[in-house]
PDB file of N, CA and C in Angstrom:
ATOM      1  N   MET A   1     -18.420 -11.565 -11.430  1.00  0.00           N
ATOM      2  CA  MET A   1     -18.127 -12.451 -10.332  1.00  0.00           C
ATOM      3  C   MET A   1     -17.666 -11.600  -9.152  1.00  0.00           C
ATOM      4  N   ALA A   2     -18.275 -11.784  -8.025  1.00  0.00           N
ATOM      5  CA  ALA A   2     -17.892 -11.072  -6.811  1.00  0.00           C
ATOM      6  C   ALA A   2     -16.703 -11.752  -6.161  1.00  0.00           C
ATOM      7  N   VAL A   3     -15.796 -10.932  -5.663  1.00  0.00           N
ATOM      8  CA  VAL A   3     -14.611 -11.444  -4.983  1.00  0.00           C
ATOM      9  C   VAL A   3     -14.566 -10.841  -3.590  1.00  0.00           C
ATOM     10  N   THR A   4     -14.316 -11.675  -2.602  1.00  0.00           N
ATOM     11  CA  THR A   4     -14.204 -11.216  -1.227  1.00  0.00           C
ATOM     12  C   THR A   4     -12.793 -11.481  -0.737  1.00  0.00           C
ATOM     13  N   VAL A   5     -12.198 -10.442  -0.146  1.00  0.00           N
ATOM     14  CA  VAL A   5     -10.840 -10.557   0.372  1.00  0.00           C
ATOM     15  C   VAL A   5     -10.829 -10.002   1.786  1.00  0.00           C
ATOM     16  N   SER A   6     -10.196 -10.701   2.693  1.00  0.00           N
ATOM     17  CA  SER A   6     -10.050 -10.221   4.060  1.00  0.00           C
ATOM     18  C   SER A   6      -8.708  -9.510   4.187  1.00  0.00           C
ATOM     19  N   LEU A   7      -8.774  -8.239   4.551  1.00  0.00           N
ATOM     20  CA  LEU A   7      -7.566  -7.435   4.696  1.00  0.00           C
ATOM     21  C   LEU A   7      -7.274  -7.108   6.156  1.00  0.00           C
ATOM     22  N   ASP A   8      -7.880  -7.859   7.067  1.00  0.00           N
ATOM     23  CA  ASP A   8      -7.759  -7.576   8.495  1.00  0.00           C
ATOM     24  C   ASP A   8      -6.312  -7.434   8.966  1.00  0.00           C
ATOM     25  N   LYS A   9      -5.443  -8.295   8.505  1.00  0.00           N
ATOM     26  CA  LYS A   9      -4.053  -8.258   8.966  1.00  0.00           C
ATOM     27  C   LYS A   9      -3.207  -7.249   8.197  1.00  0.00           C
ATOM     28  N   ALA A  10      -3.722  -6.767   7.067  1.00  0.00           N
ATOM     29  CA  ALA A  10      -2.971  -5.836   6.233  1.00  0.00           C
ATOM     30  C   ALA A  10      -3.253  -4.372   6.566  1.00  0.00           C
ATOM     31  N   LEU A  11      -4.368  -4.127   7.243  1.00  0.00           N
ATOM     32  CA  LEU A  11      -4.793  -2.753   7.506  1.00  0.00           C
ATOM     33  C   LEU A  11      -4.902  -2.463   8.995  1.00  0.00           C
ATOM     34  N   ASP A  12      -4.763  -1.183   9.337  1.00  0.00           N
ATOM     35  CA  ASP A  12      -5.059  -0.759  10.700  1.00  0.00           C
ATOM     36  C   ASP A  12      -6.543  -0.996  10.953  1.00  0.00           C
ATOM     37  N   LYS A  13      -6.873  -1.234  12.199  1.00  0.00           N
ATOM     38  CA  LYS A  13      -8.246  -1.555  12.601  1.00  0.00           C
ATOM     39  C   LYS A  13      -9.281  -0.572  12.034  1.00  0.00           C
ATOM     40  N   ALA A  14      -8.953   0.718  12.035  1.00  0.00           N
ATOM     41  CA  ALA A  14      -9.900   1.751  11.592  1.00  0.00           C
ATOM     42  C   ALA A  14     -10.268   1.643  10.114  1.00  0.00           C
ATOM     43  N   PHE A  15      -9.489   0.916   9.351  1.00  0.00           N
ATOM     44  CA  PHE A  15      -9.733   0.831   7.911  1.00  0.00           C
ATOM     45  C   PHE A  15     -10.258  -0.532   7.464  1.00  0.00           C
ATOM     46  N   GLU A  16     -10.405  -1.457   8.377  1.00  0.00           N
ATOM     47  CA  GLU A  16     -10.810  -2.818   8.020  1.00  0.00           C
ATOM     48  C   GLU A  16     -12.183  -2.899   7.372  1.00  0.00           C
ATOM     49  N   ASP A  17     -13.080  -1.980   7.697  1.00  0.00           N
ATOM     50  CA  ASP A  17     -14.438  -2.042   7.149  1.00  0.00           C
ATOM     51  C   ASP A  17     -14.676  -1.024   6.035  1.00  0.00           C
ATOM     52  N   LYS A  18     -13.615  -0.405   5.544  1.00  0.00           N
ATOM     53  CA  LYS A  18     -13.737   0.609   4.494  1.00  0.00           C
ATOM     54  C   LYS A  18     -13.801  -0.049   3.122  1.00  0.00           C
ATOM     55  N   SER A  19     -14.339   0.705   2.158  1.00  0.00           N
ATOM     56  CA  SER A  19     -14.378   0.216   0.778  1.00  0.00           C
ATOM     57  C   SER A  19     -12.976   0.277   0.190  1.00  0.00           C
ATOM     58  N   LEU A  20     -12.772  -0.415  -0.899  1.00  0.00           N
ATOM     59  CA  LEU A  20     -11.472  -0.410  -1.564  1.00  0.00           C
ATOM     60  C   LEU A  20     -11.086   1.007  -1.975  1.00  0.00           C
ATOM     61  N   GLN A  21     -12.035   1.769  -2.472  1.00  0.00           N
ATOM     62  CA  GLN A  21     -11.741   3.145  -2.880  1.00  0.00           C
ATOM     63  C   GLN A  21     -11.337   4.008  -1.684  1.00  0.00           C
ATOM     64  N   GLU A  22     -11.983   3.799  -0.542  1.00  0.00           N
ATOM     65  CA  GLU A  22     -11.608   4.536   0.669  1.00  0.00           C
ATOM     66  C   GLU A  22     -10.203   4.148   1.142  1.00  0.00           C
ATOM     67  N   ILE A  23      -9.891   2.871   1.026  1.00  0.00           N
ATOM     68  CA  ILE A  23      -8.560   2.402   1.423  1.00  0.00           C
ATOM     69  C   ILE A  23      -7.496   2.998   0.504  1.00  0.00           C
ATOM     70  N   LEU A  24      -7.739   2.995  -0.792  1.00  0.00           N
ATOM     71  CA  LEU A  24      -6.771   3.554  -1.735  1.00  0.00           C
ATOM     72  C   LEU A  24      -6.558   5.051  -1.528  1.00  0.00           C
ATOM     73  N   ALA A  25      -7.575   5.745  -1.041  1.00  0.00           N
ATOM     74  CA  ALA A  25      -7.479   7.184  -0.791  1.00  0.00           C
ATOM     75  C   ALA A  25      -6.868   7.498   0.575  1.00  0.00           C
ATOM     76  N   ALA A  26      -6.694   6.480   1.402  1.00  0.00           N
ATOM     77  CA  ALA A  26      -6.167   6.669   2.758  1.00  0.00           C
ATOM     78  C   ALA A  26      -4.652   6.882   2.715  1.00  0.00           C
ATOM     79  N   PRO A  27      -4.116   7.480   3.777  1.00  0.00           N
ATOM     80  CA  PRO A  27      -2.660   7.641   3.845  1.00  0.00           C
ATOM     81  C   PRO A  27      -1.987   6.279   4.015  1.00  0.00           C
ATOM     82  N   PRO A  28      -0.719   6.171   3.655  1.00  0.00           N
ATOM     83  CA  PRO A  28      -0.007   4.906   3.803  1.00  0.00           C
ATOM     84  C   PRO A  28      -0.071   4.323   5.214  1.00  0.00           C
ATOM     85  N   SER A  29      -0.191   5.151   6.232  1.00  0.00           N
ATOM     86  CA  SER A  29      -0.258   4.648   7.609  1.00  0.00           C
ATOM     87  C   SER A  29      -1.505   3.818   7.881  1.00  0.00           C
ATOM     88  N   ALA A  30      -2.445   3.782   6.942  1.00  0.00           N
ATOM     89  CA  ALA A  30      -3.601   2.896   7.081  1.00  0.00           C
ATOM     90  C   ALA A  30      -3.182   1.434   6.913  1.00  0.00           C
ATOM     91  N   LEU A  31      -2.006   1.213   6.339  1.00  0.00           N
ATOM     92  CA  LEU A  31      -1.465  -0.142   6.224  1.00  0.00           C
ATOM     93  C   LEU A  31      -0.851  -0.544   7.559  1.00  0.00           C
ATOM     94  N   ALA A  32      -1.112  -1.741   7.980  1.00  0.00           N
ATOM     95  CA  ALA A  32      -0.575  -2.229   9.252  1.00  0.00           C
ATOM     96  C   ALA A  32       0.940  -2.149   9.226  1.00  0.00           C
ATOM     97  N   GLY A  33       1.501  -1.550  10.263  1.00  0.00           N
ATOM     98  CA  GLY A  33       2.950  -1.473  10.386  1.00  0.00           C
ATOM     99  C   GLY A  33       3.551  -0.144   9.980  1.00  0.00           C
ATOM    100  N   LEU A  34       2.793   0.700   9.300  1.00  0.00           N
ATOM    101  CA  LEU A  34       3.298   2.023   8.946  1.00  0.00           C
ATOM    102  C   LEU A  34       2.718   3.067   9.892  1.00  0.00           C
ATOM    103  N   THR A  35       3.517   4.059  10.224  1.00  0.00           N
ATOM    104  CA  THR A  35       3.106   5.102  11.164  1.00  0.00           C
ATOM    105  C   THR A  35       2.839   6.408  10.427  1.00  0.00           C
ATOM    106  N   GLU A  36       2.304   7.365  11.157  1.00  0.00           N
ATOM    107  CA  GLU A  36       2.100   8.695  10.582  1.00  0.00           C
ATOM    108  C   GLU A  36       3.437   9.349  10.257  1.00  0.00           C
ATOM    109  N   ALA A  37       4.485   9.007  10.984  1.00  0.00           N
ATOM    110  CA  ALA A  37       5.824   9.514  10.664  1.00  0.00           C
ATOM    111  C   ALA A  37       6.251   9.017   9.280  1.00  0.00           C
ATOM    112  N   ALA A  38       5.891   7.786   8.955  1.00  0.00           N
ATOM    113  CA  ALA A  38       6.196   7.245   7.623  1.00  0.00           C
ATOM    114  C   ALA A  38       5.430   8.017   6.553  1.00  0.00           C
ATOM    115  N   ASP A  39       4.187   8.404   6.865  1.00  0.00           N
ATOM    116  CA  ASP A  39       3.403   9.220   5.923  1.00  0.00           C
ATOM    117  C   ASP A  39       4.173  10.479   5.552  1.00  0.00           C
ATOM    118  N   GLN A  40       4.696  11.147   6.550  1.00  0.00           N
ATOM    119  CA  GLN A  40       5.407  12.399   6.316  1.00  0.00           C
ATOM    120  C   GLN A  40       6.677  12.183   5.508  1.00  0.00           C
ATOM    121  N   LYS A  41       7.399  11.134   5.819  1.00  0.00           N
ATOM    122  CA  LYS A  41       8.632  10.839   5.074  1.00  0.00           C
ATOM    123  C   LYS A  41       8.329  10.499   3.620  1.00  0.00           C
ATOM    124  N   LEU A  42       7.313   9.679   3.397  1.00  0.00           N
ATOM    125  CA  LEU A  42       6.939   9.332   2.029  1.00  0.00           C
ATOM    126  C   LEU A  42       6.497  10.564   1.249  1.00  0.00           C
ATOM    127  N   LEU A  43       5.768  11.458   1.913  1.00  0.00           N
ATOM    128  CA  LEU A  43       5.335  12.688   1.269  1.00  0.00           C
ATOM    129  C   LEU A  43       6.532  13.574   0.939  1.00  0.00           C
ATOM    130  N   ASP A  44       7.416  13.764   1.900  1.00  0.00           N
ATOM    131  CA  ASP A  44       8.576  14.640   1.710  1.00  0.00           C
ATOM    132  C   ASP A  44       9.514  14.143   0.615  1.00  0.00           C
ATOM    133  N   VAL A  45       9.782  12.850   0.615  1.00  0.00           N
ATOM    134  CA  VAL A  45      10.790  12.298  -0.284  1.00  0.00           C
ATOM    135  C   VAL A  45      10.222  11.905  -1.651  1.00  0.00           C
ATOM    136  N   LEU A  46       9.051  11.263  -1.658  1.00  0.00           N
ATOM    137  CA  LEU A  46       8.517  10.710  -2.905  1.00  0.00           C
ATOM    138  C   LEU A  46       7.174  11.296  -3.332  1.00  0.00           C
ATOM    139  N   LYS A  47       6.675  12.270  -2.594  1.00  0.00           N
ATOM    140  CA  LYS A  47       5.380  12.914  -2.902  1.00  0.00           C
ATOM    141  C   LYS A  47       4.222  11.919  -2.889  1.00  0.00           C
ATOM    142  N   ILE A  48       4.324  10.908  -2.017  1.00  0.00           N
ATOM    143  CA  ILE A  48       3.283   9.891  -1.879  1.00  0.00           C
ATOM    144  C   ILE A  48       2.343  10.306  -0.750  1.00  0.00           C
ATOM    145  N   LYS A  49       1.046  10.487  -1.099  1.00  0.00           N
ATOM    146  CA  LYS A  49       0.044  10.920  -0.122  1.00  0.00           C
ATOM    147  C   LYS A  49      -0.937   9.806   0.255  1.00  0.00           C
ATOM    148  N   THR A  50      -1.129   8.857  -0.648  1.00  0.00           N
ATOM    149  CA  THR A  50      -2.160   7.839  -0.449  1.00  0.00           C
ATOM    150  C   THR A  50      -1.604   6.445  -0.721  1.00  0.00           C
ATOM    151  N   ILE A  51      -2.388   5.454  -0.342  1.00  0.00           N
ATOM    152  CA  ILE A  51      -2.025   4.072  -0.651  1.00  0.00           C
ATOM    153  C   ILE A  51      -1.984   3.878  -2.161  1.00  0.00           C
ATOM    154  N   ALA A  52      -2.890   4.525  -2.889  1.00  0.00           N
ATOM    155  CA  ALA A  52      -2.868   4.435  -4.351  1.00  0.00           C
ATOM    156  C   ALA A  52      -1.565   4.996  -4.904  1.00  0.00           C
ATOM    157  N   ASP A  53      -1.117   6.131  -4.375  1.00  0.00           N
ATOM    158  CA  ASP A  53       0.164   6.700  -4.814  1.00  0.00           C
ATOM    159  C   ASP A  53       1.302   5.717  -4.543  1.00  0.00           C
ATOM    160  N   LEU A  54       1.268   5.086  -3.389  1.00  0.00           N
ATOM    161  CA  LEU A  54       2.307   4.122  -3.015  1.00  0.00           C
ATOM    162  C   LEU A  54       2.318   2.947  -3.991  1.00  0.00           C
ATOM    163  N   GLY A  55       1.146   2.423  -4.283  1.00  0.00           N
ATOM    164  CA  GLY A  55       1.037   1.269  -5.183  1.00  0.00           C
ATOM    165  C   GLY A  55       1.372   1.585  -6.626  1.00  0.00           C
ATOM    166  N   ASN A  56       1.203   2.842  -7.012  1.00  0.00           N
ATOM    167  CA  ASN A  56       1.486   3.247  -8.390  1.00  0.00           C
ATOM    168  C   ASN A  56       2.872   3.847  -8.565  1.00  0.00           C
ATOM    169  N   ASN A  57       3.618   3.987  -7.489  1.00  0.00           N
ATOM    170  CA  ASN A  57       4.940   4.591  -7.560  1.00  0.00           C
ATOM    171  C   ASN A  57       5.855   3.740  -8.433  1.00  0.00           C
ATOM    172  N   LYS A  58       6.518   4.360  -9.403  1.00  0.00           N
ATOM    173  CA  LYS A  58       7.329   3.611 -10.366  1.00  0.00           C
ATOM    174  C   LYS A  58       8.476   2.852  -9.704  1.00  0.00           C
ATOM    175  N   TYR A  59       9.036   3.389  -8.639  1.00  0.00           N
ATOM    176  CA  TYR A  59      10.149   2.711  -7.975  1.00  0.00           C
ATOM    177  C   TYR A  59       9.683   1.460  -7.226  1.00  0.00           C
ATOM    178  N   PHE A  60       8.558   1.569  -6.528  1.00  0.00           N
ATOM    179  CA  PHE A  60       8.021   0.412  -5.810  1.00  0.00           C
ATOM    180  C   PHE A  60       7.531  -0.649  -6.787  1.00  0.00           C
ATOM    181  N   ARG A  61       6.927  -0.222  -7.896  1.00  0.00           N
ATOM    182  CA  ARG A  61       6.452  -1.183  -8.897  1.00  0.00           C
ATOM    183  C   ARG A  61       7.615  -1.920  -9.545  1.00  0.00           C
ATOM    184  N   LEU A  62       8.680  -1.180  -9.856  1.00  0.00           N
ATOM    185  CA  LEU A  62       9.852  -1.797 -10.445  1.00  0.00           C
ATOM    186  C   LEU A  62      10.489  -2.789  -9.477  1.00  0.00           C
ATOM    187  N   ALA A  63      10.619  -2.388  -8.223  1.00  0.00           N
ATOM    188  CA  ALA A  63      11.204  -3.283  -7.223  1.00  0.00           C
ATOM    189  C   ALA A  63      10.375  -4.555  -7.088  1.00  0.00           C
ATOM    190  N   ALA A  64       9.046  -4.430  -7.042  1.00  0.00           N
ATOM    191  CA  ALA A  64       8.172  -5.598  -6.925  1.00  0.00           C
ATOM    192  C   ALA A  64       8.316  -6.499  -8.156  1.00  0.00           C
ATOM    193  N   ALA A  65       8.404  -5.895  -9.342  1.00  0.00           N
ATOM    194  CA  ALA A  65       8.564  -6.681 -10.568  1.00  0.00           C
ATOM    195  C   ALA A  65       9.894  -7.444 -10.555  1.00  0.00           C
ATOM    196  N   LEU A  66      10.961  -6.791 -10.092  1.00  0.00           N
ATOM    197  CA  LEU A  66      12.255  -7.454 -10.025  1.00  0.00           C
ATOM    198  C   LEU A  66      12.249  -8.628  -9.047  1.00  0.00           C
ATOM    199  N   VAL A  67      11.583  -8.442  -7.920  1.00  0.00           N
ATOM    200  CA  VAL A  67      11.468  -9.535  -6.940  1.00  0.00           C
ATOM    201  C   VAL A  67      10.686 -10.695  -7.553  1.00  0.00           C
ATOM    202  N   ASP A  68       9.586 -10.388  -8.244  1.00  0.00           N
ATOM    203  CA  ASP A  68       8.793 -11.448  -8.888  1.00  0.00           C
ATOM    204  C   ASP A  68       9.621 -12.197  -9.926  1.00  0.00           C
ATOM    205  N   LEU A  69      10.381 -11.477 -10.725  1.00  0.00           N
ATOM    206  CA  LEU A  69      11.228 -12.126 -11.731  1.00  0.00           C
ATOM    207  C   LEU A  69      12.274 -13.023 -11.085  1.00  0.00           C
ATOM    208  N   ALA A  70      12.885 -12.534 -10.025  1.00  0.00           N
ATOM    209  CA  ALA A  70      13.910 -13.326  -9.339  1.00  0.00           C
ATOM    210  C   ALA A  70      13.329 -14.615  -8.766  1.00  0.00           C
ATOM    211  N   GLU A  71      12.098 -14.561  -8.264  1.00  0.00           N
ATOM    212  CA  GLU A  71      11.451 -15.762  -7.708  1.00  0.00           C
ATOM    213  C   GLU A  71      11.184 -16.786  -8.809  1.00  0.00           C
ATOM    214  N   ARG A  72      10.868 -16.330 -10.007  1.00  0.00           N
ATOM    215  CA  ARG A  72      10.594 -17.234 -11.107  1.00  0.00           C
ATOM    216  C   ARG A  72      11.881 -17.788 -11.710  1.00  0.00           C
ATOM    217  N   GLU A  73      12.945 -17.039 -11.583  1.00  0.00           N
ATOM    218  CA  GLU A  73      14.239 -17.436 -12.140  1.00  0.00           C
ATOM    219  C   GLU A  73      14.880 -18.564 -11.333  1.00  0.00           C
ATOM    220  N   GLY A  74      14.644 -18.497 -10.024  1.00  0.00           N
ATOM    221  CA  GLY A  74      15.190 -19.319  -9.004  1.00  0.00           C
ATOM    222  C   GLY A  74      15.622 -20.672  -9.280  1.00  0.00           C
TER     223      GLY A  74
END
């Protein structure tokens, strides 16, 4: 089954027409609202180079899981 998702508001303009694999390989600043300065900070502090690294980071995943649990507990 094919799935289509519009990421126009989630990504910088330059990445809106890229494949999912290209987006995952892009630096975090490809996400709308993050700057190249954020790329450097994420790299320096957490060794995050790509959107895939950001999404797979154990701290961000844990935080997201805790938020999801809290919403269900509510």
